[in-house]
Amino acid sequence: MTSQSQPDGRRRVVHVVAPAPYGGLETVVRALANASRERGRDVAVAILLQDGAPHPFAERLKADGVAVREIRCGRRRYLAEIRELELVLRETGATVVHAHNYHADVVGWAAARRCGVPVVSTVHGFSSSDWKGKAYEWLDIQFLKRFDAVICVSEQTEAIMRRAGCREGRVFLVRNGHWAPPALPRADARRRLGLDDGALVVGWVGRLSVEKGADLLLDALARGGTMPACEVVLVGDGPERAALEARARASGTGRGAALARVRFAGRRDDAPTLVSAFDVLALSSRREGTPMVVLEAMAAGVPVVAFGVGGVPQVVDETTGWLVPPEDVAGFAAGLAEALTRPRDAARRAEAATRRLAERFGADEWLERTDAVYAAAERA
């Protein structure tokens, strides 16, 4: 679709998102908006909210210096949100709308069509485990076929969209890139998390939900084996927290493991800066796109042990971390034990990961590939 013309010829992008308090999608939007802003691009984020309370995602963006427009129309008032977003697009002179989840897809597409500007969506992954979530995902896929361009963050997601019948030339693979506030010095990050300086620490960051697989990490720790004495910190919150805490209490120290404790640190707005507190990052997800927390660990020089799901194998391999077959709990336990007991090998792999991050997942390349998608949408 041909974008509405602007007197100065600048591209003005408005991202649209209906955010959770914290999560991978929100991290991607924040990173993309900040990387764009720092490089002089014209960018704003329109946030669909259900009540009048301050939202942590909106507050973080404001603190970063990103232009934020909050749309508060109440629960499921889609037509009102479309009208309000249309006003935002006209006031900002938007030339591209970039939506980021099924709620934002519906509202963003409709408002963009009213304004005559191209609309793009990023599919961050399909991770629902219940029937309701899967139904929403199916509906979103049908709706995405109407978009001028669809960005997929992994080959797996790209294949799903192509099989669903998205038109040729409308689906693009763009893996997430890295932008995050600098990680804190290790000692400072440990102080914030209440960790001893000398402890071995396994870190996990994410939403406490089935698809993120925190239960698989706990199962791996319970196996014992060659696992050294360590502390395990899970940063995040979600619907599975109570069940996971009960599971951790029931597992005790595991068979043969001298596990000091498993600690749930809750949701932390400063999570990207705390990765440096860990001796190893555990990514135990059942489903993923291109996880931002892995890129943050690579930037901080922290080795990663991960299941090879979604787009993870394009980021982590045996030269840059430990890659384990999906849901192979025994292999995951072995990878964690190696990362903790072979510090020279762990450091070597972490250094290789940092180099790979700079070569393949830098913000400049990420923005260039995203700009190319915007240009394709403008031609559609």
Protein backbone atom coordinates (compact mmCIF):
# COMPACT_ATOMS: atom_id res chain seq x y z
CA MET A 1 0.00 0.00 0.00
CA THR A 2 1.27 3.46 -0.85
CA SER A 3 1.86 5.42 2.35
CA GLN A 4 0.35 8.82 2.89
CA SER A 5 2.91 11.40 1.80
CA GLN A 6 4.74 13.62 4.25
CA PRO A 7 6.17 17.05 3.40
CA ASP A 8 9.65 16.11 4.62
CA GLY A 9 9.60 12.57 3.21
CA ARG A 10 10.41 11.02 6.61
CA ARG A 11 9.12 7.62 7.58
CA ARG A 12 7.13 7.85 10.81
CA VAL A 13 6.49 4.51 12.51
CA VAL A 14 3.90 3.96 15.21
CA HIS A 15 4.16 0.66 17.05
CA VAL A 16 0.89 -0.65 18.49
CA VAL A 17 0.80 -3.06 21.42
CA ALA A 18 -1.58 -4.25 24.13
CA PRO A 19 1.06 -5.11 26.72
CA ALA A 20 1.42 -7.42 29.65
CA PRO A 21 3.37 -5.90 32.56
CA TYR A 22 6.51 -7.65 31.36
CA GLY A 23 7.39 -10.25 28.77
CA GLY A 24 9.33 -11.09 25.65
CA LEU A 25 7.03 -9.20 23.31
CA GLU A 26 7.25 -6.09 25.47
CA THR A 27 11.05 -6.42 25.58
CA VAL A 28 11.21 -6.59 21.78
CA VAL A 29 9.01 -3.51 21.31
CA ARG A 30 11.02 -1.55 23.85
CA ALA A 31 14.29 -2.58 22.21
CA LEU A 32 13.12 -1.78 18.69
CA ALA A 33 11.70 1.59 19.70
CA ASN A 34 14.84 2.59 21.59
CA ALA A 35 17.23 1.40 18.91
CA SER A 36 15.22 3.43 16.37
CA ARG A 37 15.10 6.52 18.58
CA GLU A 38 18.84 6.46 19.27
CA ARG A 39 19.55 6.38 15.54
CA GLY A 40 17.37 9.37 14.76
CA ARG A 41 14.35 7.52 13.38
CA ASP A 42 10.87 8.94 13.94
CA VAL A 43 9.10 6.43 16.20
CA ALA A 44 6.28 6.32 18.73
CA VAL A 45 4.49 3.57 20.64
CA ALA A 46 0.70 3.49 20.99
CA ILE A 47 -0.29 1.39 24.00
CA LEU A 48 -3.78 -0.11 24.36
CA LEU A 49 -4.72 -0.15 28.04
CA GLN A 50 -7.85 -1.26 29.85
CA ASP A 51 -7.90 1.06 32.87
CA GLY A 52 -6.49 4.30 34.21
CA ALA A 53 -3.69 2.84 36.32
CA PRO A 54 -0.06 3.50 35.37
CA HIS A 55 1.32 0.60 33.36
CA PRO A 56 4.93 -0.52 33.97
CA PHE A 57 5.62 -1.00 30.26
CA ALA A 58 4.44 2.51 29.43
CA GLU A 59 6.42 3.96 32.33
CA ARG A 60 9.62 2.21 31.21
CA LEU A 61 9.27 3.58 27.69
CA LYS A 62 8.67 7.09 28.99
CA ALA A 63 11.75 6.85 31.20
CA ASP A 64 13.74 5.77 28.13
CA GLY A 65 12.63 8.89 26.27
CA VAL A 66 10.38 7.09 23.76
CA ALA A 67 7.26 8.95 22.58
CA VAL A 68 4.27 7.13 24.11
CA ARG A 69 0.57 7.52 23.38
CA GLU A 70 -1.75 5.75 25.82
CA ILE A 71 -5.19 4.68 24.60
CA ARG A 72 -7.54 3.88 27.48
CA CYS A 73 -10.98 2.87 26.28
CA GLY A 74 -11.81 0.02 28.65
CA ARG A 75 -12.05 -3.71 28.16
CA ARG A 76 -13.00 -5.03 24.70
CA ARG A 77 -14.02 -1.65 23.32
CA TYR A 78 -12.34 -2.29 20.02
CA LEU A 79 -14.26 0.27 17.96
CA ALA A 80 -13.43 3.01 20.44
CA GLU A 81 -9.76 1.96 20.37
CA ILE A 82 -9.75 2.03 16.57
CA ARG A 83 -11.12 5.57 16.57
CA GLU A 84 -8.61 6.72 19.19
CA LEU A 85 -5.69 5.11 17.36
CA GLU A 86 -6.83 6.71 14.11
CA LEU A 87 -6.57 10.10 15.83
CA VAL A 88 -3.07 9.25 17.07
CA LEU A 89 -1.95 8.21 13.59
CA ARG A 90 -3.25 11.41 12.05
CA GLU A 91 -1.78 13.61 14.79
CA THR A 92 1.65 11.99 14.54
CA GLY A 93 1.64 11.88 10.74
CA ALA A 94 2.31 8.13 10.84
CA THR A 95 3.42 6.57 7.56
CA VAL A 96 3.69 2.97 8.84
CA VAL A 97 1.79 1.11 11.56
CA HIS A 98 3.61 -1.79 13.22
CA ALA A 99 1.40 -4.04 15.39
CA HIS A 100 2.66 -6.67 17.83
CA ASN A 101 -0.06 -9.05 19.04
CA TYR A 102 -3.56 -10.19 18.06
CA HIS A 103 -5.35 -7.39 19.94
CA ALA A 104 -3.01 -4.80 18.45
CA ASP A 105 -3.28 -6.51 15.06
CA VAL A 106 -7.05 -5.97 14.93
CA VAL A 107 -6.97 -2.37 16.17
CA GLY A 108 -3.81 -1.42 14.28
CA TRP A 109 -4.99 -2.85 10.95
CA ALA A 110 -8.37 -1.14 11.10
CA ALA A 111 -6.96 2.26 12.11
CA ALA A 112 -4.22 2.07 9.48
CA ARG A 113 -6.76 1.29 6.76
CA ARG A 114 -8.84 4.30 7.81
CA CYS A 115 -5.75 6.48 7.48
CA GLY A 116 -4.55 4.91 4.24
CA VAL A 117 -1.15 3.86 5.58
CA PRO A 118 0.57 0.47 5.31
CA VAL A 119 0.39 -1.91 8.25
CA VAL A 120 2.96 -4.48 9.39
CA SER A 121 2.77 -7.06 12.16
CA THR A 122 5.49 -8.97 13.97
CA VAL A 123 4.55 -12.54 14.88
CA HIS A 124 6.58 -13.17 18.02
CA GLY A 125 5.61 -16.82 18.23
CA PHE A 126 2.71 -19.13 18.91
CA SER A 127 2.89 -20.36 22.49
CA SER A 128 -0.64 -20.92 23.80
CA SER A 129 -1.28 -24.25 25.48
CA ASP A 130 -5.04 -24.02 26.14
CA TRP A 131 -7.93 -24.14 23.67
CA LYS A 132 -8.85 -20.49 24.11
CA GLY A 133 -5.35 -19.26 23.38
CA LYS A 134 -5.03 -21.56 20.37
CA ALA A 135 -8.36 -20.26 19.03
CA TYR A 136 -7.12 -16.66 19.28
CA GLU A 137 -3.90 -17.63 17.53
CA TRP A 138 -5.83 -19.29 14.68
CA LEU A 139 -8.00 -16.19 14.27
CA ASP A 140 -4.94 -13.96 14.32
CA ILE A 141 -3.29 -16.00 11.57
CA GLN A 142 -6.39 -15.61 9.38
CA PHE A 143 -6.37 -11.88 10.04
CA LEU A 144 -2.66 -11.50 9.32
CA LYS A 145 -3.25 -12.57 5.72
CA ARG A 146 -4.69 -9.07 5.17
CA PHE A 147 -1.53 -7.26 6.27
CA ASP A 148 0.86 -5.54 3.89
CA ALA A 149 3.78 -7.36 5.53
CA VAL A 150 4.29 -9.90 8.30
CA ILE A 151 7.58 -10.23 10.19
CA CYS A 152 8.44 -13.64 11.66
CA VAL A 153 11.22 -13.92 14.25
CA SER A 154 12.06 -17.58 13.56
CA GLU A 155 11.99 -20.06 10.67
CA GLN A 156 9.38 -22.06 12.56
CA THR A 157 6.96 -19.14 12.72
CA GLU A 158 7.70 -18.23 9.10
CA ALA A 159 6.78 -21.76 8.02
CA ILE A 160 3.49 -21.57 9.92
CA MET A 161 2.54 -18.33 8.21
CA ARG A 162 3.45 -19.63 4.76
CA ARG A 163 1.46 -22.83 5.29
CA ALA A 164 -1.49 -20.69 6.41
CA GLY A 165 -1.57 -19.07 2.98
CA CYS A 166 0.06 -15.66 3.44
CA ARG A 167 0.70 -14.20 0.02
CA GLU A 168 4.14 -14.47 -1.56
CA GLY A 169 6.24 -11.41 -0.87
CA ARG A 170 4.32 -10.53 2.30
CA VAL A 171 6.16 -12.76 4.83
CA PHE A 172 9.67 -11.85 6.02
CA LEU A 173 12.11 -13.51 8.40
CA VAL A 174 13.69 -10.91 10.68
CA ARG A 175 15.29 -12.29 13.83
CA ASN A 176 15.31 -10.07 16.87
CA GLY A 177 18.35 -7.93 17.44
CA HIS A 178 19.93 -6.71 20.62
CA TRP A 179 19.23 -3.49 22.42
CA ALA A 180 19.11 -3.31 26.20
CA PRO A 181 20.29 -1.04 29.00
CA PRO A 182 23.86 -2.02 29.89
CA ALA A 183 24.08 -4.88 32.37
CA LEU A 184 25.10 -3.91 35.87
CA PRO A 185 28.52 -4.91 37.18
CA ARG A 186 28.28 -8.45 38.54
CA ALA A 187 28.62 -7.41 42.19
CA ASP A 188 25.89 -4.75 41.87
CA ALA A 189 23.51 -7.14 40.12
CA ARG A 190 24.07 -9.73 42.84
CA ARG A 191 23.40 -7.20 45.56
CA ARG A 192 20.09 -6.27 43.94
CA LEU A 193 19.08 -9.93 43.87
CA GLY A 194 20.37 -10.64 47.38
CA LEU A 195 23.00 -13.13 46.19
CA ASP A 196 26.31 -13.94 47.84
CA ASP A 197 29.36 -12.87 45.87
CA GLY A 198 30.91 -16.33 45.94
CA ALA A 199 27.82 -18.43 45.14
CA LEU A 200 27.39 -20.36 41.90
CA VAL A 201 24.13 -19.07 40.40
CA VAL A 202 21.84 -20.49 37.76
CA GLY A 203 19.53 -17.78 36.44
CA TRP A 204 16.21 -18.04 34.64
CA VAL A 205 14.20 -15.10 33.29
CA GLY A 206 10.71 -15.17 31.80
CA ARG A 207 7.00 -15.51 32.29
CA LEU A 208 6.04 -18.30 34.66
CA SER A 209 3.78 -20.08 32.20
CA VAL A 210 3.69 -23.57 30.71
CA GLU A 211 5.39 -22.70 27.42
CA LYS A 212 8.40 -21.16 29.19
CA GLY A 213 9.20 -24.48 30.89
CA ALA A 214 10.39 -23.42 34.33
CA ASP A 215 9.11 -26.82 35.52
CA LEU A 216 11.62 -28.51 33.20
CA LEU A 217 14.43 -26.55 34.86
CA LEU A 218 13.26 -27.70 38.29
CA ASP A 219 13.10 -31.30 37.04
CA ALA A 220 16.66 -30.99 35.73
CA LEU A 221 17.90 -29.64 39.06
CA ALA A 222 16.18 -32.47 40.95
CA ARG A 223 18.15 -35.07 39.01
CA GLY A 224 21.31 -34.20 40.92
CA GLY A 225 24.17 -36.08 39.29
CA THR A 226 27.26 -33.90 38.89
CA MET A 227 25.45 -30.64 39.68
CA PRO A 228 27.52 -28.61 42.15
CA ALA A 229 26.10 -26.64 45.07
CA CYS A 230 24.39 -23.63 43.56
CA GLU A 231 21.62 -21.12 43.92
CA VAL A 232 18.80 -20.92 41.40
CA VAL A 233 17.01 -17.63 40.79
CA LEU A 234 13.85 -17.42 38.72
CA VAL A 235 13.07 -13.84 37.67
CA GLY A 236 9.51 -13.33 36.50
CA ASP A 237 5.90 -13.94 37.38
CA GLY A 238 2.90 -15.62 35.85
CA PRO A 239 0.06 -18.11 36.26
CA GLU A 240 2.28 -21.08 37.12
CA ARG A 241 4.13 -19.43 40.00
CA ALA A 242 2.25 -21.09 42.88
CA ALA A 243 2.54 -24.54 41.29
CA LEU A 244 6.23 -24.04 40.61
CA GLU A 245 6.94 -22.88 44.15
CA ALA A 246 5.17 -25.98 45.48
CA ARG A 247 7.16 -28.15 43.08
CA ALA A 248 10.43 -26.60 44.21
CA ARG A 249 9.56 -27.19 47.88
CA ALA A 250 8.59 -30.80 47.20
CA SER A 251 11.78 -31.59 45.26
CA GLY A 252 14.05 -30.56 48.13
CA THR A 253 17.70 -30.75 47.20
CA GLY A 254 17.26 -33.47 44.58
CA ARG A 255 18.99 -36.83 44.37
CA GLY A 256 22.67 -36.22 45.00
CA ALA A 257 22.51 -32.49 44.41
CA ALA A 258 23.75 -30.09 47.04
CA LEU A 259 21.34 -27.41 45.89
CA ALA A 260 21.44 -24.43 48.25
CA ARG A 261 18.02 -23.01 47.36
CA VAL A 262 15.57 -22.17 44.62
CA ARG A 263 14.41 -18.59 44.85
CA PHE A 264 11.57 -16.83 43.04
CA ALA A 265 12.56 -13.18 42.58
CA GLY A 266 9.24 -12.10 41.03
CA ARG A 267 8.77 -9.64 38.21
CA ARG A 268 11.62 -7.16 37.91
CA ASP A 269 11.51 -4.10 35.68
CA ASP A 270 15.31 -4.08 35.74
CA ALA A 271 15.62 -7.73 34.65
CA PRO A 272 17.75 -7.02 31.52
CA THR A 273 20.41 -5.35 33.68
CA LEU A 274 20.58 -8.24 36.18
CA VAL A 275 21.69 -11.05 33.86
CA SER A 276 25.31 -10.34 34.81
CA ALA A 277 24.55 -11.76 38.29
CA PHE A 278 24.35 -15.30 36.86
CA ASP A 279 27.08 -17.85 36.22
CA VAL A 280 24.83 -19.46 33.62
CA LEU A 281 21.47 -18.56 32.07
CA ALA A 282 19.02 -21.45 31.71
CA LEU A 283 16.48 -21.24 28.87
CA SER A 284 14.13 -24.18 29.40
CA SER A 285 11.29 -23.09 27.09
CA ARG A 286 9.04 -25.52 25.29
CA ARG A 287 8.37 -22.90 22.58
CA GLU A 288 10.26 -19.75 21.59
CA GLY A 289 10.84 -17.26 18.81
CA THR A 290 14.21 -15.50 19.09
CA PRO A 291 14.43 -14.95 22.86
CA MET A 292 15.68 -11.54 23.89
CA VAL A 293 16.99 -12.82 27.23
CA VAL A 294 19.51 -15.00 25.38
CA LEU A 295 20.78 -11.95 23.48
CA GLU A 296 21.04 -10.08 26.79
CA ALA A 297 23.08 -12.92 28.29
CA MET A 298 25.37 -12.96 25.26
CA ALA A 299 25.94 -9.21 25.64
CA ALA A 300 26.75 -9.67 29.33
CA GLY A 301 29.20 -12.52 28.72
CA VAL A 302 27.04 -15.08 30.53
CA PRO A 303 27.02 -18.64 29.11
CA VAL A 304 23.67 -20.10 28.05
CA VAL A 305 22.19 -23.59 28.36
CA ALA A 306 19.06 -23.86 26.20
CA PHE A 307 16.63 -26.25 24.65
CA GLY A 308 16.81 -26.16 20.85
CA VAL A 309 13.30 -24.84 20.19
CA GLY A 310 11.99 -22.22 17.75
CA GLY A 311 14.70 -19.78 16.69
CA VAL A 312 17.11 -20.72 19.50
CA PRO A 313 19.39 -22.96 17.34
CA GLN A 314 20.09 -19.98 15.07
CA VAL A 315 21.48 -18.14 18.10
CA VAL A 316 23.02 -20.82 20.36
CA ASP A 317 25.06 -23.84 19.35
CA GLU A 318 27.85 -25.90 20.90
CA THR A 319 30.44 -23.22 20.14
CA THR A 320 28.48 -20.41 21.81
CA GLY A 321 26.73 -22.28 24.63
CA TRP A 322 25.03 -25.59 25.37
CA LEU A 323 22.16 -26.59 23.06
CA VAL A 324 20.01 -29.49 24.23
CA PRO A 325 17.21 -31.37 22.40
CA PRO A 326 13.75 -30.07 23.38
CA GLU A 327 12.55 -31.31 26.79
CA ASP A 328 15.64 -33.51 27.28
CA VAL A 329 15.77 -32.95 31.03
CA ALA A 330 18.78 -35.21 31.60
CA GLY A 331 20.74 -33.43 28.87
CA PHE A 332 19.76 -30.06 30.29
CA ALA A 333 21.01 -31.07 33.74
CA ALA A 334 24.28 -32.23 32.21
CA GLY A 335 24.67 -28.94 30.33
CA LEU A 336 24.12 -26.90 33.48
CA ALA A 337 26.63 -29.05 35.39
CA GLU A 338 29.26 -28.58 32.67
CA ALA A 339 28.71 -24.82 32.51
CA LEU A 340 29.14 -24.54 36.29
CA THR A 341 32.08 -26.93 36.73
CA ARG A 342 34.12 -26.04 33.63
CA PRO A 343 34.55 -22.27 33.97
CA ARG A 344 37.24 -21.99 31.27
CA ASP A 345 35.06 -23.76 28.72
CA ALA A 346 32.07 -21.67 29.80
CA ALA A 347 34.08 -18.46 29.39
CA ARG A 348 35.31 -19.54 25.95
CA ARG A 349 31.78 -20.23 24.74
CA ALA A 350 30.49 -16.99 26.25
CA GLU A 351 33.19 -15.02 24.43
CA ALA A 352 32.23 -16.69 21.15
CA ALA A 353 28.60 -15.82 21.84
CA THR A 354 29.46 -12.16 22.39
CA ARG A 355 31.25 -12.10 19.03
CA ARG A 356 28.28 -13.75 17.33
CA LEU A 357 25.95 -11.18 18.87
CA ALA A 358 27.97 -8.34 17.37
CA GLU A 359 28.23 -10.03 13.98
CA ARG A 360 24.65 -11.25 13.50
CA PHE A 361 22.30 -9.64 16.01
CA GLY A 362 23.37 -6.02 16.27
CA ALA A 363 20.79 -3.27 16.40
CA ASP A 364 21.90 -1.68 13.13
CA GLU A 365 21.35 -4.83 11.09
CA TRP A 366 18.04 -5.42 12.88
CA LEU A 367 16.80 -1.95 11.98
CA GLU A 368 18.00 -2.22 8.37
CA ARG A 369 16.09 -5.47 7.87
CA THR A 370 13.01 -4.01 9.53
CA ASP A 371 13.25 -0.89 7.34
CA ALA A 372 13.36 -3.16 4.29
CA VAL A 373 10.07 -4.71 5.42
CA TYR A 374 8.52 -1.26 5.84
CA ALA A 375 9.61 -0.39 2.31
CA ALA A 376 8.04 -3.60 0.98
CA ALA A 377 4.79 -2.79 2.82
CA GLU A 378 4.77 0.69 1.29
CA ARG A 379 5.05 -0.86 -2.17
CA ALA A 380 2.36 -3.52 -1.55
